[in-house]
Amino acid sequence: MKVVIEQGGIAPGGLNFDCKVRRESTELRDMFISHIGAMDSMARGLRIAAKMIGDGILSKYVKARYSSFDSGIGAKIASGEATLEDCEKYSEENGEPARISGQQEHYENMVNYYV
């Protein structure tokens, strides 16, 4: 839902709610109830996403994580201006990049805080 908000809605597409007979839920009433539950989940997700975006915490960390694309060779790559030769030259001059943690667990826990 965060992506839906950041993209300004779902147009021109939409959301697909799949419904099929499974397990022991075989009545039309079961499908109706499952759709209600799905819509409730979507509404809850939308509220959570709006709060996450409003707080700005996650976007701050994502911006910091990808800050190397704001200048230098990173900006050239991001804009599509860098050639393969530019990248080769950069790696020859700068050597192997330092391994930096993606901190996935930290980000997952930040999202889980909202859920």
PDB file of N, CA and C in Angstrom:
ATOM      1  N   MET A   1       0.817  -1.195   0.000  1.00  0.00           N
ATOM      2  CA  MET A   1       0.000   0.000   0.000  1.00  0.00           C
ATOM      3  C   MET A   1       0.862   1.260   0.000  1.00  0.00           C
ATOM      4  N   LYS A   2       2.063   1.131   0.552  1.00  0.00           N
ATOM      5  CA  LYS A   2       2.982   2.268   0.531  1.00  0.00           C
ATOM      6  C   LYS A   2       3.266   2.687  -0.908  1.00  0.00           C
ATOM      7  N   VAL A   3       3.479   1.717  -1.776  1.00  0.00           N
ATOM      8  CA  VAL A   3       3.746   2.016  -3.184  1.00  0.00           C
ATOM      9  C   VAL A   3       2.527   2.653  -3.837  1.00  0.00           C
ATOM     10  N   VAL A   4       1.342   2.178  -3.502  1.00  0.00           N
ATOM     11  CA  VAL A   4       0.115   2.756  -4.064  1.00  0.00           C
ATOM     12  C   VAL A   4       0.026   4.236  -3.706  1.00  0.00           C
ATOM     13  N   ILE A   5       0.308   4.568  -2.458  1.00  0.00           N
ATOM     14  CA  ILE A   5       0.259   5.969  -2.027  1.00  0.00           C
ATOM     15  C   ILE A   5       1.331   6.780  -2.747  1.00  0.00           C
ATOM     16  N   GLU A   6       2.552   6.248  -2.788  1.00  0.00           N
ATOM     17  CA  GLU A   6       3.658   6.988  -3.394  1.00  0.00           C
ATOM     18  C   GLU A   6       3.473   7.180  -4.898  1.00  0.00           C
ATOM     19  N   GLN A   7       2.738   6.292  -5.544  1.00  0.00           N
ATOM     20  CA  GLN A   7       2.455   6.431  -6.970  1.00  0.00           C
ATOM     21  C   GLN A   7       1.224   7.277  -7.240  1.00  0.00           C
ATOM     22  N   GLY A   8       0.560   7.715  -6.199  1.00  0.00           N
ATOM     23  CA  GLY A   8      -0.603   8.564  -6.368  1.00  0.00           C
ATOM     24  C   GLY A   8      -1.889   7.812  -6.664  1.00  0.00           C
ATOM     25  N   GLY A   9      -1.945   6.529  -6.327  1.00  0.00           N
ATOM     26  CA  GLY A   9      -3.157   5.741  -6.538  1.00  0.00           C
ATOM     27  C   GLY A   9      -2.883   4.495  -7.355  1.00  0.00           C
ATOM     28  N   ILE A  10      -3.954   3.850  -7.787  1.00  0.00           N
ATOM     29  CA  ILE A  10      -3.813   2.595  -8.519  1.00  0.00           C
ATOM     30  C   ILE A  10      -4.115   2.721 -10.004  1.00  0.00           C
ATOM     31  N   ALA A  11      -4.475   3.916 -10.450  1.00  0.00           N
ATOM     32  CA  ALA A  11      -4.800   4.123 -11.867  1.00  0.00           C
ATOM     33  C   ALA A  11      -3.549   3.973 -12.711  1.00  0.00           C
ATOM     34  N   PRO A  12      -3.603   3.488 -13.895  1.00  0.00           N
ATOM     35  CA  PRO A  12      -4.780   3.054 -14.635  1.00  0.00           C
ATOM     36  C   PRO A  12      -5.137   1.592 -14.379  1.00  0.00           C
ATOM     37  N   GLY A  13      -4.406   0.923 -13.491  1.00  0.00           N
ATOM     38  CA  GLY A  13      -4.646  -0.501 -13.225  1.00  0.00           C
ATOM     39  C   GLY A  13      -5.704  -0.711 -12.175  1.00  0.00           C
ATOM     40  N   GLY A  14      -5.382  -1.457 -11.185  1.00  0.00           N
ATOM     41  CA  GLY A  14      -6.309  -1.747 -10.107  1.00  0.00           C
ATOM     42  C   GLY A  14      -5.711  -2.783  -9.185  1.00  0.00           C
ATOM     43  N   LEU A  15      -6.525  -3.300  -8.308  1.00  0.00           N
ATOM     44  CA  LEU A  15      -6.103  -4.360  -7.401  1.00  0.00           C
ATOM     45  C   LEU A  15      -6.911  -5.613  -7.723  1.00  0.00           C
ATOM     46  N   ASN A  16      -6.259  -6.736  -7.699  1.00  0.00           N
ATOM     47  CA  ASN A  16      -6.918  -7.997  -8.021  1.00  0.00           C
ATOM     48  C   ASN A  16      -7.145  -8.809  -6.751  1.00  0.00           C
ATOM     49  N   PHE A  17      -8.386  -9.097  -6.471  1.00  0.00           N
ATOM     50  CA  PHE A  17      -8.727  -9.969  -5.357  1.00  0.00           C
ATOM     51  C   PHE A  17      -9.081 -11.337  -5.927  1.00  0.00           C
ATOM     52  N   ASP A  18      -8.250 -12.292  -5.613  1.00  0.00           N
ATOM     53  CA  ASP A  18      -8.443 -13.640  -6.110  1.00  0.00           C
ATOM     54  C   ASP A  18      -9.401 -14.380  -5.178  1.00  0.00           C
ATOM     55  N   CYS A  19     -10.271 -15.174  -5.757  1.00  0.00           N
ATOM     56  CA  CYS A  19     -11.208 -15.942  -4.956  1.00  0.00           C
ATOM     57  C   CYS A  19     -11.410 -17.299  -5.609  1.00  0.00           C
ATOM     58  N   LYS A  20     -11.141 -18.334  -4.852  1.00  0.00           N
ATOM     59  CA  LYS A  20     -11.333 -19.679  -5.378  1.00  0.00           C
ATOM     60  C   LYS A  20     -11.732 -20.618  -4.239  1.00  0.00           C
ATOM     61  N   VAL A  21     -12.347 -21.699  -4.608  1.00  0.00           N
ATOM     62  CA  VAL A  21     -12.744 -22.692  -3.615  1.00  0.00           C
ATOM     63  C   VAL A  21     -11.487 -23.416  -3.142  1.00  0.00           C
ATOM     64  N   ARG A  22     -11.316 -23.514  -1.851  1.00  0.00           N
ATOM     65  CA  ARG A  22     -10.191 -24.243  -1.283  1.00  0.00           C
ATOM     66  C   ARG A  22     -10.524 -24.681   0.134  1.00  0.00           C
ATOM     67  N   ARG A  23      -9.715 -25.522   0.644  1.00  0.00           N
ATOM     68  CA  ARG A  23      -9.909 -26.097   1.976  1.00  0.00           C
ATOM     69  C   ARG A  23     -11.357 -26.541   2.138  1.00  0.00           C
ATOM     70  N   GLU A  24     -11.928 -26.192   3.228  1.00  0.00           N
ATOM     71  CA  GLU A  24     -13.311 -26.577   3.505  1.00  0.00           C
ATOM     72  C   GLU A  24     -14.284 -25.424   3.301  1.00  0.00           C
ATOM     73  N   SER A  25     -13.793 -24.302   2.801  1.00  0.00           N
ATOM     74  CA  SER A  25     -14.643 -23.139   2.554  1.00  0.00           C
ATOM     75  C   SER A  25     -15.205 -23.232   1.142  1.00  0.00           C
ATOM     76  N   THR A  26     -16.388 -23.766   1.026  1.00  0.00           N
ATOM     77  CA  THR A  26     -16.937 -24.047  -0.307  1.00  0.00           C
ATOM     78  C   THR A  26     -18.220 -23.296  -0.632  1.00  0.00           C
ATOM     79  N   GLU A  27     -18.723 -22.548   0.330  1.00  0.00           N
ATOM     80  CA  GLU A  27     -19.981 -21.836   0.092  1.00  0.00           C
ATOM     81  C   GLU A  27     -19.722 -20.411  -0.393  1.00  0.00           C
ATOM     82  N   LEU A  28     -20.702 -19.862  -1.082  1.00  0.00           N
ATOM     83  CA  LEU A  28     -20.610 -18.491  -1.555  1.00  0.00           C
ATOM     84  C   LEU A  28     -20.369 -17.536  -0.386  1.00  0.00           C
ATOM     85  N   ARG A  29     -20.981 -17.840   0.748  1.00  0.00           N
ATOM     86  CA  ARG A  29     -20.807 -17.022   1.957  1.00  0.00           C
ATOM     87  C   ARG A  29     -19.328 -16.968   2.356  1.00  0.00           C
ATOM     88  N   ASP A  30     -18.621 -18.087   2.206  1.00  0.00           N
ATOM     89  CA  ASP A  30     -17.198 -18.126   2.547  1.00  0.00           C
ATOM     90  C   ASP A  30     -16.398 -17.162   1.678  1.00  0.00           C
ATOM     91  N   MET A  31     -16.702 -17.135   0.393  1.00  0.00           N
ATOM     92  CA  MET A  31     -15.996 -16.221  -0.516  1.00  0.00           C
ATOM     93  C   MET A  31     -16.310 -14.768  -0.178  1.00  0.00           C
ATOM     94  N   PHE A  32     -17.566 -14.511   0.167  1.00  0.00           N
ATOM     95  CA  PHE A  32     -17.987 -13.168   0.546  1.00  0.00           C
ATOM     96  C   PHE A  32     -17.213 -12.709   1.786  1.00  0.00           C
ATOM     97  N   ILE A  33     -17.136 -13.567   2.782  1.00  0.00           N
ATOM     98  CA  ILE A  33     -16.432 -13.237   4.022  1.00  0.00           C
ATOM     99  C   ILE A  33     -14.936 -13.048   3.759  1.00  0.00           C
ATOM    100  N   SER A  34     -14.366 -13.865   2.881  1.00  0.00           N
ATOM    101  CA  SER A  34     -12.935 -13.712   2.584  1.00  0.00           C
ATOM    102  C   SER A  34     -12.655 -12.372   1.917  1.00  0.00           C
ATOM    103  N   HIS A  35     -13.567 -11.910   1.070  1.00  0.00           N
ATOM    104  CA  HIS A  35     -13.384 -10.604   0.438  1.00  0.00           C
ATOM    105  C   HIS A  35     -13.493  -9.475   1.462  1.00  0.00           C
ATOM    106  N   ILE A  36     -14.399  -9.613   2.405  1.00  0.00           N
ATOM    107  CA  ILE A  36     -14.511  -8.603   3.465  1.00  0.00           C
ATOM    108  C   ILE A  36     -13.211  -8.546   4.257  1.00  0.00           C
ATOM    109  N   GLY A  37     -12.676  -9.723   4.612  1.00  0.00           N
ATOM    110  CA  GLY A  37     -11.413  -9.771   5.347  1.00  0.00           C
ATOM    111  C   GLY A  37     -10.269  -9.164   4.552  1.00  0.00           C
ATOM    112  N   ALA A  38     -10.241  -9.432   3.260  1.00  0.00           N
ATOM    113  CA  ALA A  38      -9.184  -8.877   2.411  1.00  0.00           C
ATOM    114  C   ALA A  38      -9.290  -7.358   2.327  1.00  0.00           C
ATOM    115  N   MET A  39     -10.492  -6.849   2.178  1.00  0.00           N
ATOM    116  CA  MET A  39     -10.674  -5.391   2.119  1.00  0.00           C
ATOM    117  C   MET A  39     -10.294  -4.739   3.446  1.00  0.00           C
ATOM    118  N   ASP A  40     -10.637  -5.397   4.550  1.00  0.00           N
ATOM    119  CA  ASP A  40     -10.230  -4.876   5.859  1.00  0.00           C
ATOM    120  C   ASP A  40      -8.708  -4.835   5.972  1.00  0.00           C
ATOM    121  N   SER A  41      -8.055  -5.889   5.494  1.00  0.00           N
ATOM    122  CA  SER A  41      -6.590  -5.932   5.524  1.00  0.00           C
ATOM    123  C   SER A  41      -5.991  -4.833   4.649  1.00  0.00           C
ATOM    124  N   MET A  42      -6.580  -4.619   3.474  1.00  0.00           N
ATOM    125  CA  MET A  42      -6.093  -3.559   2.590  1.00  0.00           C
ATOM    126  C   MET A  42      -6.263  -2.192   3.244  1.00  0.00           C
ATOM    127  N   ALA A  43      -7.395  -1.967   3.889  1.00  0.00           N
ATOM    128  CA  ALA A  43      -7.641  -0.684   4.559  1.00  0.00           C
ATOM    129  C   ALA A  43      -6.638  -0.478   5.693  1.00  0.00           C
ATOM    130  N   ARG A  44      -6.382  -1.540   6.462  1.00  0.00           N
ATOM    131  CA  ARG A  44      -5.412  -1.448   7.556  1.00  0.00           C
ATOM    132  C   ARG A  44      -4.022  -1.162   6.987  1.00  0.00           C
ATOM    133  N   GLY A  45      -3.679  -1.845   5.899  1.00  0.00           N
ATOM    134  CA  GLY A  45      -2.393  -1.613   5.256  1.00  0.00           C
ATOM    135  C   GLY A  45      -2.253  -0.199   4.737  1.00  0.00           C
ATOM    136  N   LEU A  46      -3.321   0.347   4.213  1.00  0.00           N
ATOM    137  CA  LEU A  46      -3.305   1.721   3.710  1.00  0.00           C
ATOM    138  C   LEU A  46      -3.058   2.708   4.850  1.00  0.00           C
ATOM    139  N   ARG A  47      -3.709   2.492   5.968  1.00  0.00           N
ATOM    140  CA  ARG A  47      -3.501   3.376   7.128  1.00  0.00           C
ATOM    141  C   ARG A  47      -2.066   3.284   7.641  1.00  0.00           C
ATOM    142  N   ILE A  48      -1.552   2.053   7.709  1.00  0.00           N
ATOM    143  CA  ILE A  48      -0.176   1.850   8.173  1.00  0.00           C
ATOM    144  C   ILE A  48       0.802   2.514   7.211  1.00  0.00           C
ATOM    145  N   ALA A  49       0.583   2.323   5.915  1.00  0.00           N
ATOM    146  CA  ALA A  49       1.470   2.914   4.907  1.00  0.00           C
ATOM    147  C   ALA A  49       1.463   4.437   5.004  1.00  0.00           C
ATOM    148  N   ALA A  50       0.296   5.018   5.203  1.00  0.00           N
ATOM    149  CA  ALA A  50       0.198   6.479   5.324  1.00  0.00           C
ATOM    150  C   ALA A  50       0.988   6.968   6.536  1.00  0.00           C
ATOM    151  N   LYS A  51       0.918   6.239   7.642  1.00  0.00           N
ATOM    152  CA  LYS A  51       1.672   6.614   8.844  1.00  0.00           C
ATOM    153  C   LYS A  51       3.172   6.485   8.603  1.00  0.00           C
ATOM    154  N   MET A  52       3.573   5.396   7.947  1.00  0.00           N
ATOM    155  CA  MET A  52       5.001   5.205   7.650  1.00  0.00           C
ATOM    156  C   MET A  52       5.528   6.347   6.787  1.00  0.00           C
ATOM    157  N   ILE A  53       4.780   6.703   5.765  1.00  0.00           N
ATOM    158  CA  ILE A  53       5.196   7.787   4.873  1.00  0.00           C
ATOM    159  C   ILE A  53       5.215   9.110   5.639  1.00  0.00           C
ATOM    160  N   GLY A  54       4.187   9.336   6.437  1.00  0.00           N
ATOM    161  CA  GLY A  54       4.112  10.573   7.219  1.00  0.00           C
ATOM    162  C   GLY A  54       5.249  10.726   8.205  1.00  0.00           C
ATOM    163  N   ASP A  55       5.645   9.624   8.842  1.00  0.00           N
ATOM    164  CA  ASP A  55       6.744   9.680   9.815  1.00  0.00           C
ATOM    165  C   ASP A  55       8.086   9.894   9.123  1.00  0.00           C
ATOM    166  N   GLY A  56       8.221   9.421   7.903  1.00  0.00           N
ATOM    167  CA  GLY A  56       9.435   9.649   7.122  1.00  0.00           C
ATOM    168  C   GLY A  56      10.673   8.895   7.560  1.00  0.00           C
ATOM    169  N   ILE A  57      10.537   8.010   8.534  1.00  0.00           N
ATOM    170  CA  ILE A  57      11.697   7.293   9.066  1.00  0.00           C
ATOM    171  C   ILE A  57      12.323   6.386   8.005  1.00  0.00           C
ATOM    172  N   LEU A  58      11.507   5.546   7.382  1.00  0.00           N
ATOM    173  CA  LEU A  58      12.018   4.589   6.408  1.00  0.00           C
ATOM    174  C   LEU A  58      12.645   5.297   5.209  1.00  0.00           C
ATOM    175  N   SER A  59      11.992   6.333   4.711  1.00  0.00           N
ATOM    176  CA  SER A  59      12.535   7.044   3.542  1.00  0.00           C
ATOM    177  C   SER A  59      13.869   7.707   3.865  1.00  0.00           C
ATOM    178  N   LYS A  60      14.044   8.145   5.097  1.00  0.00           N
ATOM    179  CA  LYS A  60      15.317   8.748   5.511  1.00  0.00           C
ATOM    180  C   LYS A  60      16.445   7.716   5.421  1.00  0.00           C
ATOM    181  N   TYR A  61      16.174   6.508   5.891  1.00  0.00           N
ATOM    182  CA  TYR A  61      17.185   5.452   5.843  1.00  0.00           C
ATOM    183  C   TYR A  61      17.453   4.988   4.408  1.00  0.00           C
ATOM    184  N   VAL A  62      16.426   4.904   3.597  1.00  0.00           N
ATOM    185  CA  VAL A  62      16.601   4.495   2.204  1.00  0.00           C
ATOM    186  C   VAL A  62      17.427   5.544   1.462  1.00  0.00           C
ATOM    187  N   LYS A  63      17.158   6.808   1.704  1.00  0.00           N
ATOM    188  CA  LYS A  63      17.925   7.888   1.071  1.00  0.00           C
ATOM    189  C   LYS A  63      19.396   7.799   1.465  1.00  0.00           C
ATOM    190  N   ALA A  64      19.662   7.541   2.736  1.00  0.00           N
ATOM    191  CA  ALA A  64      21.049   7.410   3.201  1.00  0.00           C
ATOM    192  C   ALA A  64      21.709   6.173   2.585  1.00  0.00           C
ATOM    193  N   ARG A  65      20.967   5.094   2.485  1.00  0.00           N
ATOM    194  CA  ARG A  65      21.509   3.843   1.947  1.00  0.00           C
ATOM    195  C   ARG A  65      21.960   4.013   0.499  1.00  0.00           C
ATOM    196  N   TYR A  66      21.217   4.766  -0.289  1.00  0.00           N
ATOM    197  CA  TYR A  66      21.535   4.937  -1.701  1.00  0.00           C
ATOM    198  C   TYR A  66      22.147   6.303  -2.014  1.00  0.00           C
ATOM    199  N   SER A  67      22.727   6.955  -1.020  1.00  0.00           N
ATOM    200  CA  SER A  67      23.293   8.296  -1.216  1.00  0.00           C
ATOM    201  C   SER A  67      24.464   8.305  -2.193  1.00  0.00           C
ATOM    202  N   SER A  68      25.103   7.158  -2.410  1.00  0.00           N
ATOM    203  CA  SER A  68      26.222   7.122  -3.352  1.00  0.00           C
ATOM    204  C   SER A  68      25.763   7.366  -4.788  1.00  0.00           C
ATOM    205  N   PHE A  69      24.457   7.306  -5.025  1.00  0.00           N
ATOM    206  CA  PHE A  69      23.933   7.584  -6.358  1.00  0.00           C
ATOM    207  C   PHE A  69      23.582   9.062  -6.551  1.00  0.00           C
ATOM    208  N   ASP A  70      23.900   9.888  -5.556  1.00  0.00           N
ATOM    209  CA  ASP A  70      23.604  11.323  -5.647  1.00  0.00           C
ATOM    210  C   ASP A  70      24.730  12.127  -6.279  1.00  0.00           C
ATOM    211  N   SER A  71      25.935  11.545  -6.350  1.00  0.00           N
ATOM    212  CA  SER A  71      27.069  12.287  -6.908  1.00  0.00           C
ATOM    213  C   SER A  71      28.073  11.311  -7.518  1.00  0.00           C
ATOM    214  N   GLY A  72      29.028  11.869  -8.245  1.00  0.00           N
ATOM    215  CA  GLY A  72      30.101  11.067  -8.812  1.00  0.00           C
ATOM    216  C   GLY A  72      29.618  10.005  -9.784  1.00  0.00           C
ATOM    217  N   ILE A  73      30.314   8.868  -9.783  1.00  0.00           N
ATOM    218  CA  ILE A  73      29.983   7.792 -10.709  1.00  0.00           C
ATOM    219  C   ILE A  73      28.586   7.244 -10.445  1.00  0.00           C
ATOM    220  N   GLY A  74      28.170   7.257  -9.195  1.00  0.00           N
ATOM    221  CA  GLY A  74      26.826   6.777  -8.863  1.00  0.00           C
ATOM    222  C   GLY A  74      25.740   7.586  -9.554  1.00  0.00           C
ATOM    223  N   ALA A  75      25.911   8.907  -9.590  1.00  0.00           N
ATOM    224  CA  ALA A  75      24.932   9.775 -10.260  1.00  0.00           C
ATOM    225  C   ALA A  75      24.947   9.534 -11.766  1.00  0.00           C
ATOM    226  N   LYS A  76      26.131   9.309 -12.318  1.00  0.00           N
ATOM    227  CA  LYS A  76      26.226   9.033 -13.753  1.00  0.00           C
ATOM    228  C   LYS A  76      25.527   7.708 -14.100  1.00  0.00           C
ATOM    229  N   ILE A  77      25.708   6.711 -13.234  1.00  0.00           N
ATOM    230  CA  ILE A  77      25.047   5.415 -13.453  1.00  0.00           C
ATOM    231  C   ILE A  77      23.534   5.574 -13.353  1.00  0.00           C
ATOM    232  N   ALA A  78      23.090   6.262 -12.304  1.00  0.00           N
ATOM    233  CA  ALA A  78      21.645   6.438 -12.084  1.00  0.00           C
ATOM    234  C   ALA A  78      20.977   7.201 -13.221  1.00  0.00           C
ATOM    235  N   SER A  79      21.679   8.149 -13.804  1.00  0.00           N
ATOM    236  CA  SER A  79      21.091   8.941 -14.889  1.00  0.00           C
ATOM    237  C   SER A  79      21.227   8.270 -16.253  1.00  0.00           C
ATOM    238  N   GLY A  80      21.971   7.168 -16.301  1.00  0.00           N
ATOM    239  CA  GLY A  80      22.155   6.459 -17.566  1.00  0.00           C
ATOM    240  C   GLY A  80      23.277   7.027 -18.413  1.00  0.00           C
ATOM    241  N   GLU A  81      24.038   7.947 -17.862  1.00  0.00           N
ATOM    242  CA  GLU A  81      25.124   8.583 -18.612  1.00  0.00           C
ATOM    243  C   GLU A  81      26.411   7.770 -18.604  1.00  0.00           C
ATOM    244  N   ALA A  82      26.604   6.916 -17.607  1.00  0.00           N
ATOM    245  CA  ALA A  82      27.856   6.162 -17.483  1.00  0.00           C
ATOM    246  C   ALA A  82      27.905   5.034 -18.506  1.00  0.00           C
ATOM    247  N   THR A  83      29.059   4.893 -19.101  1.00  0.00           N
ATOM    248  CA  THR A  83      29.275   3.780 -20.024  1.00  0.00           C
ATOM    249  C   THR A  83      29.936   2.639 -19.265  1.00  0.00           C
ATOM    250  N   LEU A  84      29.993   1.503 -19.891  1.00  0.00           N
ATOM    251  CA  LEU A  84      30.678   0.361 -19.288  1.00  0.00           C
ATOM    252  C   LEU A  84      32.162   0.699 -19.098  1.00  0.00           C
ATOM    253  N   GLU A  85      32.700   1.450 -20.017  1.00  0.00           N
ATOM    254  CA  GLU A  85      34.100   1.867 -19.910  1.00  0.00           C
ATOM    255  C   GLU A  85      34.308   2.792 -18.703  1.00  0.00           C
ATOM    256  N   ASP A  86      33.357   3.691 -18.450  1.00  0.00           N
ATOM    257  CA  ASP A  86      33.430   4.566 -17.263  1.00  0.00           C
ATOM    258  C   ASP A  86      33.460   3.723 -15.988  1.00  0.00           C
ATOM    259  N   CYS A  87      32.608   2.722 -15.948  1.00  0.00           N
ATOM    260  CA  CYS A  87      32.541   1.851 -14.775  1.00  0.00           C
ATOM    261  C   CYS A  87      33.828   1.062 -14.606  1.00  0.00           C
ATOM    262  N   GLU A  88      34.367   0.584 -15.718  1.00  0.00           N
ATOM    263  CA  GLU A  88      35.631  -0.161 -15.676  1.00  0.00           C
ATOM    264  C   GLU A  88      36.750   0.729 -15.141  1.00  0.00           C
ATOM    265  N   LYS A  89      36.833   1.940 -15.677  1.00  0.00           N
ATOM    266  CA  LYS A  89      37.876   2.880 -15.251  1.00  0.00           C
ATOM    267  C   LYS A  89      37.739   3.198 -13.761  1.00  0.00           C
ATOM    268  N   TYR A  90      36.502   3.416 -13.333  1.00  0.00           N
ATOM    269  CA  TYR A  90      36.269   3.735 -11.923  1.00  0.00           C
ATOM    270  C   TYR A  90      36.722   2.581 -11.022  1.00  0.00           C
ATOM    271  N   SER A  91      36.377   1.362 -11.412  1.00  0.00           N
ATOM    272  CA  SER A  91      36.745   0.219 -10.570  1.00  0.00           C
ATOM    273  C   SER A  91      38.250  -0.027 -10.580  1.00  0.00           C
ATOM    274  N   GLU A  92      38.908   0.232 -11.703  1.00  0.00           N
ATOM    275  CA  GLU A  92      40.365   0.095 -11.764  1.00  0.00           C
ATOM    276  C   GLU A  92      41.049   1.119 -10.862  1.00  0.00           C
ATOM    277  N   GLU A  93      40.525   2.332 -10.844  1.00  0.00           N
ATOM    278  CA  GLU A  93      41.128   3.410 -10.039  1.00  0.00           C
ATOM    279  C   GLU A  93      40.816   3.290  -8.554  1.00  0.00           C
ATOM    280  N   ASN A  94      39.625   2.734  -8.227  1.00  0.00           N
ATOM    281  CA  ASN A  94      39.191   2.718  -6.826  1.00  0.00           C
ATOM    282  C   ASN A  94      39.232   1.348  -6.175  1.00  0.00           C
ATOM    283  N   GLY A  95      39.460   0.319  -6.941  1.00  0.00           N
ATOM    284  CA  GLY A  95      39.552  -1.022  -6.371  1.00  0.00           C
ATOM    285  C   GLY A  95      38.208  -1.565  -5.917  1.00  0.00           C
ATOM    286  N   GLU A  96      38.288  -2.652  -5.183  1.00  0.00           N
ATOM    287  CA  GLU A  96      37.093  -3.338  -4.684  1.00  0.00           C
ATOM    288  C   GLU A  96      36.376  -2.456  -3.652  1.00  0.00           C
ATOM    289  N   PRO A  97      35.073  -2.276  -3.785  1.00  0.00           N
ATOM    290  CA  PRO A  97      34.357  -1.453  -2.796  1.00  0.00           C
ATOM    291  C   PRO A  97      34.284  -2.140  -1.437  1.00  0.00           C
ATOM    292  N   ALA A  98      34.196  -1.340  -0.406  1.00  0.00           N
ATOM    293  CA  ALA A  98      34.046  -1.883   0.948  1.00  0.00           C
ATOM    294  C   ALA A  98      32.683  -2.551   1.070  1.00  0.00           C
ATOM    295  N   ARG A  99      32.635  -3.654   1.778  1.00  0.00           N
ATOM    296  CA  ARG A  99      31.363  -4.337   2.003  1.00  0.00           C
ATOM    297  C   ARG A  99      30.596  -3.580   3.076  1.00  0.00           C
ATOM    298  N   ILE A 100      29.399  -3.143   2.714  1.00  0.00           N
ATOM    299  CA  ILE A 100      28.555  -2.393   3.643  1.00  0.00           C
ATOM    300  C   ILE A 100      27.275  -3.189   3.867  1.00  0.00           C
ATOM    301  N   SER A 101      26.897  -3.329   5.112  1.00  0.00           N
ATOM    302  CA  SER A 101      25.692  -4.087   5.439  1.00  0.00           C
ATOM    303  C   SER A 101      24.450  -3.414   4.858  1.00  0.00           C
ATOM    304  N   GLY A 102      23.556  -4.224   4.306  1.00  0.00           N
ATOM    305  CA  GLY A 102      22.280  -3.710   3.814  1.00  0.00           C
ATOM    306  C   GLY A 102      21.292  -3.475   4.942  1.00  0.00           C
ATOM    307  N   GLN A 103      21.607  -3.953   6.133  1.00  0.00           N
ATOM    308  CA  GLN A 103      20.787  -3.775   7.344  1.00  0.00           C
ATOM    309  C   GLN A 103      19.336  -4.194   7.136  1.00  0.00           C
ATOM    310  N   GLN A 104      19.136  -5.269   6.397  1.00  0.00           N
ATOM    311  CA  GLN A 104      17.787  -5.741   6.087  1.00  0.00           C
ATOM    312  C   GLN A 104      16.964  -5.993   7.344  1.00  0.00           C
ATOM    313  N   GLU A 105      17.565  -6.636   8.326  1.00  0.00           N
ATOM    314  CA  GLU A 105      16.818  -6.941   9.554  1.00  0.00           C
ATOM    315  C   GLU A 105      16.350  -5.674  10.244  1.00  0.00           C
ATOM    316  N   HIS A 106      17.189  -4.657  10.232  1.00  0.00           N
ATOM    317  CA  HIS A 106      16.815  -3.375  10.841  1.00  0.00           C
ATOM    318  C   HIS A 106      15.585  -2.783  10.140  1.00  0.00           C
ATOM    319  N   TYR A 107      15.610  -2.786   8.806  1.00  0.00           N
ATOM    320  CA  TYR A 107      14.491  -2.234   8.040  1.00  0.00           C
ATOM    321  C   TYR A 107      13.222  -3.068   8.223  1.00  0.00           C
ATOM    322  N   GLU A 108      13.378  -4.387   8.236  1.00  0.00           N
ATOM    323  CA  GLU A 108      12.213  -5.253   8.447  1.00  0.00           C
ATOM    324  C   GLU A 108      11.577  -4.976   9.807  1.00  0.00           C
ATOM    325  N   ASN A 109      12.407  -4.772  10.815  1.00  0.00           N
ATOM    326  CA  ASN A 109      11.867  -4.484  12.143  1.00  0.00           C
ATOM    327  C   ASN A 109      11.225  -3.107  12.213  1.00  0.00           C
ATOM    328  N   MET A 110      11.747  -2.162  11.447  1.00  0.00           N
ATOM    329  CA  MET A 110      11.097  -0.844  11.399  1.00  0.00           C
ATOM    330  C   MET A 110       9.695  -0.974  10.809  1.00  0.00           C
ATOM    331  N   VAL A 111       9.566  -1.749   9.731  1.00  0.00           N
ATOM    332  CA  VAL A 111       8.246  -1.965   9.122  1.00  0.00           C
ATOM    333  C   VAL A 111       7.344  -2.730  10.094  1.00  0.00           C
ATOM    334  N   ASN A 112       7.883  -3.760  10.732  1.00  0.00           N
ATOM    335  CA  ASN A 112       7.092  -4.555  11.676  1.00  0.00           C
ATOM    336  C   ASN A 112       6.589  -3.731  12.851  1.00  0.00           C
ATOM    337  N   TYR A 113       7.319  -2.692  13.217  1.00  0.00           N
ATOM    338  CA  TYR A 113       6.868  -1.809  14.285  1.00  0.00           C
ATOM    339  C   TYR A 113       5.509  -1.209  13.960  1.00  0.00           C
ATOM    340  N   TYR A 114       5.318  -0.854  12.707  1.00  0.00           N
ATOM    341  CA  TYR A 114       4.064  -0.240  12.293  1.00  0.00           C
ATOM    342  C   TYR A 114       2.935  -1.262  12.189  1.00  0.00           C
ATOM    343  N   VAL A 115       3.282  -2.469  11.839  1.00  0.00           N
ATOM    344  CA  VAL A 115       2.266  -3.503  11.642  1.00  0.00           C
ATOM    345  C   VAL A 115       1.791  -3.966  13.008  1.00  0.00           C
TER     346      VAL A 115
END
